[in-house]
Amino acid sequence: MNWGNKIVLAFVGFVAILVTMVYISVSTEFNLVEEDYYNQELAYEEQIQRIKNHNALAEKPTFNVDRSNFLVQLAFPEALVNEMVDGTLLFYRSSTARFDKELPMKFDADGKLSIDISKFPIGAWKLKMSWSDKDKEYYKEIAFVI
């Protein structure tokens, strides 16, 4: 093989690598952290108040991840469960929005809630808990890894 063929082969290899990189970069899914981040930023003062309401609670909810059984366990004090009007849990995955899951808060008689996370992809997650009673709204974020 002479040097002319080697130059052509190197050029073809370079173009192939370049085309591959362009294909990968075009097909990569880019997600913003939140779809409506601007509206959420405008309402963040209210969110700060919700966080302060949670921090002011005498008895706070507890959170546990059981990785061996793939369960997330929440335990709310009985007083909070009795006063709760509405509550939601958002399992948020910042890398891919399609894995996000929103669930209502439905407790058993002991004020506990167990969620099966066996179908969740392994990686970093945030649990965004929001609930309200007759007077106030509450919010808590918990980061965890499966």
N, C-alpha and C. Protein backbone atom coordinates (compact mmCIF):
# COMPACT_ATOMS: atom_id res chain seq x y z
N MET A 1 0.85 -1.16 0.00
CA MET A 1 0.00 0.00 0.00
C MET A 1 0.91 1.24 0.00
N ASN A 2 0.67 2.11 -0.95
CA ASN A 2 1.52 3.30 -1.02
C ASN A 2 0.97 4.40 -0.12
N TRP A 3 1.74 5.49 0.00
CA TRP A 3 1.36 6.56 0.92
C TRP A 3 0.10 7.30 0.48
N GLY A 4 -0.21 7.33 -0.79
CA GLY A 4 -1.44 7.98 -1.28
C GLY A 4 -2.68 7.25 -0.78
N ASN A 5 -2.64 5.92 -0.83
CA ASN A 5 -3.77 5.13 -0.32
C ASN A 5 -3.95 5.31 1.19
N LYS A 6 -2.83 5.44 1.89
CA LYS A 6 -2.91 5.64 3.35
C LYS A 6 -3.55 6.98 3.69
N ILE A 7 -3.22 8.01 2.91
CA ILE A 7 -3.82 9.33 3.14
C ILE A 7 -5.33 9.27 2.90
N VAL A 8 -5.73 8.62 1.81
CA VAL A 8 -7.16 8.49 1.50
C VAL A 8 -7.85 7.69 2.60
N LEU A 9 -7.24 6.62 3.06
CA LEU A 9 -7.81 5.79 4.13
C LEU A 9 -7.94 6.60 5.43
N ALA A 10 -6.93 7.40 5.77
CA ALA A 10 -6.98 8.24 6.97
C ALA A 10 -8.10 9.28 6.82
N PHE A 11 -8.24 9.87 5.64
CA PHE A 11 -9.29 10.86 5.41
C PHE A 11 -10.68 10.23 5.55
N VAL A 12 -10.87 9.06 4.98
CA VAL A 12 -12.16 8.35 5.07
C VAL A 12 -12.45 7.99 6.54
N GLY A 13 -11.44 7.55 7.28
CA GLY A 13 -11.62 7.24 8.70
C GLY A 13 -12.01 8.48 9.50
N PHE A 14 -11.36 9.61 9.21
CA PHE A 14 -11.67 10.86 9.89
C PHE A 14 -13.11 11.28 9.61
N VAL A 15 -13.54 11.19 8.35
CA VAL A 15 -14.91 11.56 7.99
C VAL A 15 -15.91 10.62 8.67
N ALA A 16 -15.59 9.33 8.75
CA ALA A 16 -16.48 8.38 9.41
C ALA A 16 -16.63 8.72 10.90
N ILE A 17 -15.54 9.07 11.55
CA ILE A 17 -15.60 9.45 12.97
C ILE A 17 -16.40 10.74 13.13
N LEU A 18 -16.18 11.68 12.24
CA LEU A 18 -16.90 12.95 12.29
C LEU A 18 -18.41 12.75 12.11
N VAL A 19 -18.80 11.94 11.13
CA VAL A 19 -20.22 11.66 10.89
C VAL A 19 -20.83 10.94 12.10
N THR A 20 -20.09 10.03 12.70
CA THR A 20 -20.58 9.33 13.89
C THR A 20 -20.81 10.30 15.04
N MET A 21 -19.88 11.20 15.28
CA MET A 21 -20.03 12.17 16.36
C MET A 21 -21.21 13.12 16.11
N VAL A 22 -21.42 13.53 14.87
CA VAL A 22 -22.56 14.39 14.54
C VAL A 22 -23.86 13.64 14.78
N TYR A 23 -23.93 12.38 14.38
CA TYR A 23 -25.13 11.57 14.59
C TYR A 23 -25.43 11.43 16.09
N ILE A 24 -24.42 11.14 16.88
CA ILE A 24 -24.62 10.97 18.32
C ILE A 24 -25.09 12.28 18.95
N SER A 25 -24.49 13.39 18.56
CA SER A 25 -24.87 14.67 19.17
C SER A 25 -26.27 15.11 18.75
N VAL A 26 -26.69 14.78 17.55
CA VAL A 26 -28.03 15.15 17.10
C VAL A 26 -29.09 14.27 17.74
N SER A 27 -28.79 13.02 17.96
CA SER A 27 -29.79 12.09 18.51
C SER A 27 -29.84 12.09 20.04
N THR A 28 -28.96 12.82 20.71
CA THR A 28 -28.98 12.88 22.16
C THR A 28 -30.17 13.70 22.63
N GLU A 29 -30.87 13.18 23.64
CA GLU A 29 -32.05 13.85 24.18
C GLU A 29 -31.61 14.87 25.24
N PHE A 30 -31.98 16.12 25.04
CA PHE A 30 -31.65 17.17 26.00
C PHE A 30 -32.93 17.58 26.72
N ASN A 31 -32.89 17.50 28.03
CA ASN A 31 -34.03 17.92 28.83
C ASN A 31 -33.64 19.12 29.67
N LEU A 32 -34.52 20.10 29.71
CA LEU A 32 -34.33 21.16 30.67
C LEU A 32 -34.61 20.58 32.04
N VAL A 33 -34.15 21.22 33.06
CA VAL A 33 -34.40 20.70 34.40
C VAL A 33 -35.90 20.63 34.66
N GLU A 34 -36.62 21.66 34.26
CA GLU A 34 -38.07 21.70 34.37
C GLU A 34 -38.63 22.31 33.09
N GLU A 35 -39.79 21.85 32.67
CA GLU A 35 -40.42 22.39 31.47
C GLU A 35 -40.82 23.85 31.65
N ASP A 36 -41.40 24.17 32.78
CA ASP A 36 -41.89 25.53 33.01
C ASP A 36 -41.05 26.23 34.08
N TYR A 37 -39.74 26.19 33.89
CA TYR A 37 -38.82 26.71 34.90
C TYR A 37 -39.02 28.21 35.15
N TYR A 38 -39.42 28.97 34.14
CA TYR A 38 -39.60 30.41 34.32
C TYR A 38 -40.77 30.70 35.27
N ASN A 39 -41.88 30.03 35.06
CA ASN A 39 -43.05 30.22 35.94
C ASN A 39 -42.75 29.75 37.36
N GLN A 40 -42.00 28.67 37.47
CA GLN A 40 -41.64 28.18 38.80
C GLN A 40 -40.72 29.16 39.51
N GLU A 41 -39.83 29.78 38.78
CA GLU A 41 -38.93 30.76 39.40
C GLU A 41 -39.71 31.98 39.91
N LEU A 42 -40.72 32.39 39.17
CA LEU A 42 -41.54 33.52 39.60
C LEU A 42 -42.31 33.20 40.89
N ALA A 43 -42.69 31.95 41.06
CA ALA A 43 -43.47 31.55 42.24
C ALA A 43 -42.60 30.95 43.33
N TYR A 44 -41.28 31.14 43.27
CA TYR A 44 -40.40 30.47 44.22
C TYR A 44 -40.53 31.01 45.64
N GLU A 45 -40.95 32.25 45.80
CA GLU A 45 -41.15 32.81 47.15
C GLU A 45 -42.20 31.99 47.91
N GLU A 46 -43.24 31.57 47.21
CA GLU A 46 -44.25 30.71 47.83
C GLU A 46 -43.66 29.36 48.19
N GLN A 47 -42.77 28.86 47.35
CA GLN A 47 -42.11 27.58 47.61
C GLN A 47 -41.23 27.68 48.86
N ILE A 48 -40.55 28.80 49.02
CA ILE A 48 -39.73 29.01 50.21
C ILE A 48 -40.60 28.97 51.46
N GLN A 49 -41.78 29.55 51.38
CA GLN A 49 -42.69 29.52 52.54
C GLN A 49 -43.14 28.09 52.84
N ARG A 50 -43.38 27.30 51.81
CA ARG A 50 -43.76 25.89 52.02
C ARG A 50 -42.64 25.13 52.72
N ILE A 51 -41.40 25.39 52.29
CA ILE A 51 -40.24 24.73 52.91
C ILE A 51 -40.11 25.16 54.36
N LYS A 52 -40.30 26.46 54.64
CA LYS A 52 -40.24 26.95 56.03
C LYS A 52 -41.34 26.31 56.87
N ASN A 53 -42.52 26.12 56.30
CA ASN A 53 -43.61 25.46 57.03
C ASN A 53 -43.21 24.04 57.42
N HIS A 54 -42.55 23.33 56.51
CA HIS A 54 -42.08 21.98 56.82
C HIS A 54 -41.03 22.01 57.93
N ASN A 55 -40.08 22.93 57.81
CA ASN A 55 -39.00 23.00 58.79
C ASN A 55 -39.51 23.39 60.18
N ALA A 56 -40.65 24.07 60.25
CA ALA A 56 -41.20 24.49 61.54
C ALA A 56 -42.02 23.40 62.22
N LEU A 57 -42.24 22.27 61.56
CA LEU A 57 -43.03 21.20 62.17
C LEU A 57 -42.31 20.63 63.39
N ALA A 58 -43.08 20.34 64.42
CA ALA A 58 -42.51 19.72 65.61
C ALA A 58 -42.11 18.27 65.31
N GLU A 59 -42.99 17.54 64.64
CA GLU A 59 -42.70 16.17 64.22
C GLU A 59 -42.69 16.14 62.70
N LYS A 60 -41.56 15.73 62.14
CA LYS A 60 -41.41 15.71 60.69
C LYS A 60 -41.58 14.29 60.16
N PRO A 61 -41.97 14.16 58.90
CA PRO A 61 -42.05 12.84 58.29
C PRO A 61 -40.66 12.21 58.18
N THR A 62 -40.62 10.90 58.25
CA THR A 62 -39.34 10.19 58.09
C THR A 62 -39.33 9.47 56.74
N PHE A 63 -38.13 9.29 56.23
CA PHE A 63 -37.92 8.73 54.90
C PHE A 63 -36.86 7.66 55.00
N ASN A 64 -37.11 6.52 54.31
CA ASN A 64 -36.14 5.43 54.31
C ASN A 64 -36.18 4.74 52.95
N VAL A 65 -35.00 4.41 52.43
CA VAL A 65 -34.90 3.63 51.20
C VAL A 65 -34.39 2.25 51.55
N ASP A 66 -35.18 1.23 51.25
CA ASP A 66 -34.78 -0.16 51.45
C ASP A 66 -34.32 -0.69 50.09
N ARG A 67 -33.02 -0.61 49.83
CA ARG A 67 -32.49 -0.99 48.52
C ARG A 67 -32.55 -2.50 48.27
N SER A 68 -32.51 -3.29 49.32
CA SER A 68 -32.56 -4.74 49.13
C SER A 68 -33.94 -5.20 48.67
N ASN A 69 -35.00 -4.54 49.14
CA ASN A 69 -36.37 -4.89 48.74
C ASN A 69 -36.97 -3.91 47.74
N PHE A 70 -36.18 -2.93 47.33
CA PHE A 70 -36.63 -1.89 46.38
C PHE A 70 -37.91 -1.21 46.86
N LEU A 71 -37.83 -0.65 48.06
CA LEU A 71 -38.97 0.07 48.64
C LEU A 71 -38.54 1.42 49.16
N VAL A 72 -39.39 2.40 48.96
CA VAL A 72 -39.26 3.69 49.62
C VAL A 72 -40.34 3.73 50.67
N GLN A 73 -39.94 4.04 51.90
CA GLN A 73 -40.89 4.03 53.00
C GLN A 73 -40.96 5.43 53.61
N LEU A 74 -42.17 5.94 53.72
CA LEU A 74 -42.43 7.23 54.36
C LEU A 74 -43.30 6.98 55.58
N ALA A 75 -42.99 7.68 56.65
CA ALA A 75 -43.80 7.60 57.86
C ALA A 75 -44.12 9.02 58.29
N PHE A 76 -45.39 9.32 58.34
CA PHE A 76 -45.86 10.64 58.78
C PHE A 76 -46.43 10.52 60.18
N PRO A 77 -46.22 11.51 61.02
CA PRO A 77 -46.86 11.49 62.35
C PRO A 77 -48.38 11.50 62.20
N GLU A 78 -49.05 10.89 63.15
CA GLU A 78 -50.50 10.75 63.09
C GLU A 78 -51.21 12.09 62.98
N ALA A 79 -50.69 13.10 63.67
CA ALA A 79 -51.32 14.42 63.63
C ALA A 79 -51.29 15.00 62.22
N LEU A 80 -50.19 14.80 61.50
CA LEU A 80 -50.09 15.31 60.13
C LEU A 80 -51.04 14.57 59.19
N VAL A 81 -51.13 13.27 59.36
CA VAL A 81 -52.01 12.47 58.50
C VAL A 81 -53.46 12.87 58.72
N ASN A 82 -53.86 13.08 59.97
CA ASN A 82 -55.25 13.43 60.27
C ASN A 82 -55.63 14.81 59.73
N GLU A 83 -54.68 15.73 59.71
CA GLU A 83 -54.96 17.08 59.25
C GLU A 83 -54.76 17.26 57.74
N MET A 84 -54.14 16.28 57.09
CA MET A 84 -53.80 16.42 55.67
C MET A 84 -55.06 16.45 54.80
N VAL A 85 -55.11 17.45 53.91
CA VAL A 85 -56.21 17.58 52.97
C VAL A 85 -55.82 16.96 51.64
N ASP A 86 -54.61 17.25 51.20
CA ASP A 86 -54.15 16.79 49.90
C ASP A 86 -52.64 16.60 49.96
N GLY A 87 -52.13 15.63 49.20
CA GLY A 87 -50.69 15.43 49.16
C GLY A 87 -50.27 14.64 47.94
N THR A 88 -49.11 15.01 47.40
CA THR A 88 -48.57 14.30 46.24
C THR A 88 -47.09 14.02 46.44
N LEU A 89 -46.64 12.96 45.81
CA LEU A 89 -45.24 12.59 45.78
C LEU A 89 -44.79 12.62 44.32
N LEU A 90 -43.68 13.28 44.06
CA LEU A 90 -43.12 13.29 42.72
C LEU A 90 -41.73 12.68 42.79
N PHE A 91 -41.57 11.54 42.14
CA PHE A 91 -40.25 10.95 42.00
C PHE A 91 -39.66 11.56 40.74
N TYR A 92 -38.63 12.38 40.93
CA TYR A 92 -38.08 13.22 39.87
C TYR A 92 -36.69 12.73 39.49
N ARG A 93 -36.51 12.52 38.22
CA ARG A 93 -35.20 12.12 37.69
C ARG A 93 -34.73 13.22 36.76
N SER A 94 -33.70 13.93 37.16
CA SER A 94 -33.27 15.11 36.41
C SER A 94 -32.64 14.75 35.07
N SER A 95 -32.11 13.55 34.93
CA SER A 95 -31.45 13.20 33.67
C SER A 95 -32.45 12.89 32.57
N THR A 96 -33.61 12.33 32.90
CA THR A 96 -34.60 11.98 31.89
C THR A 96 -35.99 12.17 32.46
N ALA A 97 -36.74 13.09 31.88
CA ALA A 97 -38.07 13.42 32.40
C ALA A 97 -39.08 12.29 32.20
N ARG A 98 -38.85 11.40 31.26
CA ARG A 98 -39.85 10.36 31.00
C ARG A 98 -39.97 9.35 32.14
N PHE A 99 -38.99 9.32 33.05
CA PHE A 99 -39.06 8.40 34.19
C PHE A 99 -39.73 9.02 35.41
N ASP A 100 -40.06 10.31 35.36
CA ASP A 100 -40.72 10.96 36.49
C ASP A 100 -42.06 10.29 36.78
N LYS A 101 -42.36 10.16 38.06
CA LYS A 101 -43.63 9.54 38.47
C LYS A 101 -44.26 10.38 39.58
N GLU A 102 -45.55 10.66 39.40
CA GLU A 102 -46.29 11.41 40.42
C GLU A 102 -47.36 10.50 41.00
N LEU A 103 -47.40 10.46 42.33
CA LEU A 103 -48.32 9.58 43.05
C LEU A 103 -49.04 10.36 44.14
N PRO A 104 -50.28 10.00 44.43
CA PRO A 104 -50.96 10.64 45.57
C PRO A 104 -50.47 10.03 46.88
N MET A 105 -50.55 10.80 47.94
CA MET A 105 -50.18 10.29 49.27
C MET A 105 -51.37 9.55 49.85
N LYS A 106 -51.23 8.25 49.97
CA LYS A 106 -52.28 7.42 50.58
C LYS A 106 -51.61 6.55 51.64
N PHE A 107 -51.94 6.83 52.88
CA PHE A 107 -51.29 6.18 54.00
C PHE A 107 -52.12 5.02 54.53
N ASP A 108 -51.43 4.09 55.19
CA ASP A 108 -52.16 3.04 55.88
C ASP A 108 -52.60 3.56 57.24
N ALA A 109 -53.14 2.70 58.06
CA ALA A 109 -53.68 3.13 59.36
C ALA A 109 -52.59 3.66 60.30
N ASP A 110 -51.34 3.23 60.10
CA ASP A 110 -50.24 3.67 60.96
C ASP A 110 -49.57 4.95 60.47
N GLY A 111 -50.07 5.52 59.39
CA GLY A 111 -49.45 6.73 58.84
C GLY A 111 -48.21 6.43 58.03
N LYS A 112 -48.15 5.22 57.48
CA LYS A 112 -46.97 4.82 56.69
C LYS A 112 -47.36 4.61 55.24
N LEU A 113 -46.39 4.77 54.39
CA LEU A 113 -46.58 4.63 52.95
C LEU A 113 -45.36 3.92 52.38
N SER A 114 -45.58 2.82 51.68
CA SER A 114 -44.49 2.09 51.04
C SER A 114 -44.70 2.11 49.54
N ILE A 115 -43.65 2.42 48.81
CA ILE A 115 -43.72 2.52 47.36
C ILE A 115 -42.70 1.59 46.75
N ASP A 116 -43.15 0.76 45.83
CA ASP A 116 -42.28 -0.17 45.13
C ASP A 116 -41.48 0.59 44.07
N ILE A 117 -40.17 0.53 44.16
CA ILE A 117 -39.31 1.22 43.19
C ILE A 117 -38.50 0.23 42.36
N SER A 118 -38.97 -1.01 42.28
CA SER A 118 -38.23 -2.04 41.54
C SER A 118 -38.18 -1.76 40.04
N LYS A 119 -39.15 -1.03 39.52
CA LYS A 119 -39.18 -0.71 38.09
C LYS A 119 -38.48 0.61 37.76
N PHE A 120 -37.99 1.32 38.78
CA PHE A 120 -37.30 2.59 38.56
C PHE A 120 -35.87 2.30 38.08
N PRO A 121 -35.38 3.07 37.13
CA PRO A 121 -33.98 2.89 36.71
C PRO A 121 -33.02 3.24 37.84
N ILE A 122 -31.91 2.56 37.87
CA ILE A 122 -30.90 2.81 38.88
C ILE A 122 -30.25 4.16 38.61
N GLY A 123 -30.03 4.92 39.67
CA GLY A 123 -29.39 6.22 39.53
C GLY A 123 -29.86 7.19 40.59
N ALA A 124 -29.61 8.47 40.33
CA ALA A 124 -29.96 9.53 41.27
C ALA A 124 -31.41 9.97 41.07
N TRP A 125 -32.13 10.14 42.18
CA TRP A 125 -33.53 10.55 42.18
C TRP A 125 -33.74 11.63 43.22
N LYS A 126 -34.83 12.37 43.06
CA LYS A 126 -35.30 13.30 44.09
C LYS A 126 -36.76 12.96 44.35
N LEU A 127 -37.09 12.91 45.61
CA LEU A 127 -38.49 12.77 46.01
C LEU A 127 -38.97 14.14 46.43
N LYS A 128 -39.97 14.65 45.73
CA LYS A 128 -40.53 15.96 46.04
C LYS A 128 -41.90 15.72 46.68
N MET A 129 -41.97 15.97 47.98
CA MET A 129 -43.21 15.77 48.72
C MET A 129 -43.88 17.12 48.92
N SER A 130 -45.15 17.19 48.57
CA SER A 130 -45.92 18.41 48.86
C SER A 130 -47.28 17.99 49.38
N TRP A 131 -47.70 18.66 50.43
CA TRP A 131 -49.00 18.37 51.02
C TRP A 131 -49.54 19.62 51.68
N SER A 132 -50.81 19.59 52.00
CA SER A 132 -51.43 20.74 52.62
C SER A 132 -52.44 20.27 53.67
N ASP A 133 -52.62 21.12 54.65
CA ASP A 133 -53.71 20.92 55.61
C ASP A 133 -54.68 22.08 55.42
N LYS A 134 -55.52 22.31 56.38
CA LYS A 134 -56.53 23.37 56.22
C LYS A 134 -55.91 24.77 56.16
N ASP A 135 -54.75 24.95 56.80
CA ASP A 135 -54.17 26.29 56.92
C ASP A 135 -52.93 26.52 56.06
N LYS A 136 -52.07 25.52 55.93
CA LYS A 136 -50.76 25.73 55.33
C LYS A 136 -50.46 24.68 54.28
N GLU A 137 -49.45 25.00 53.47
CA GLU A 137 -48.90 24.05 52.51
C GLU A 137 -47.46 23.74 52.92
N TYR A 138 -47.03 22.50 52.63
CA TYR A 138 -45.72 22.04 53.04
C TYR A 138 -45.00 21.43 51.84
N TYR A 139 -43.65 21.49 51.90
CA TYR A 139 -42.86 20.94 50.80
C TYR A 139 -41.53 20.45 51.35
N LYS A 140 -41.09 19.30 50.83
CA LYS A 140 -39.79 18.74 51.22
C LYS A 140 -39.22 17.98 50.03
N GLU A 141 -37.93 18.20 49.77
CA GLU A 141 -37.20 17.46 48.73
C GLU A 141 -36.18 16.57 49.41
N ILE A 142 -36.11 15.33 48.93
CA ILE A 142 -35.14 14.37 49.46
C ILE A 142 -34.43 13.74 48.27
N ALA A 143 -33.11 13.85 48.26
CA ALA A 143 -32.32 13.23 47.21
C ALA A 143 -31.88 11.85 47.68
N PHE A 144 -31.96 10.87 46.78
CA PHE A 144 -31.53 9.52 47.13
C PHE A 144 -31.06 8.82 45.85
N VAL A 145 -30.37 7.71 46.05
CA VAL A 145 -29.82 6.92 44.95
C VAL A 145 -30.32 5.50 45.09
N ILE A 146 -30.75 4.94 43.98
CA ILE A 146 -31.20 3.54 43.97
C ILE A 146 -30.02 2.70 43.54
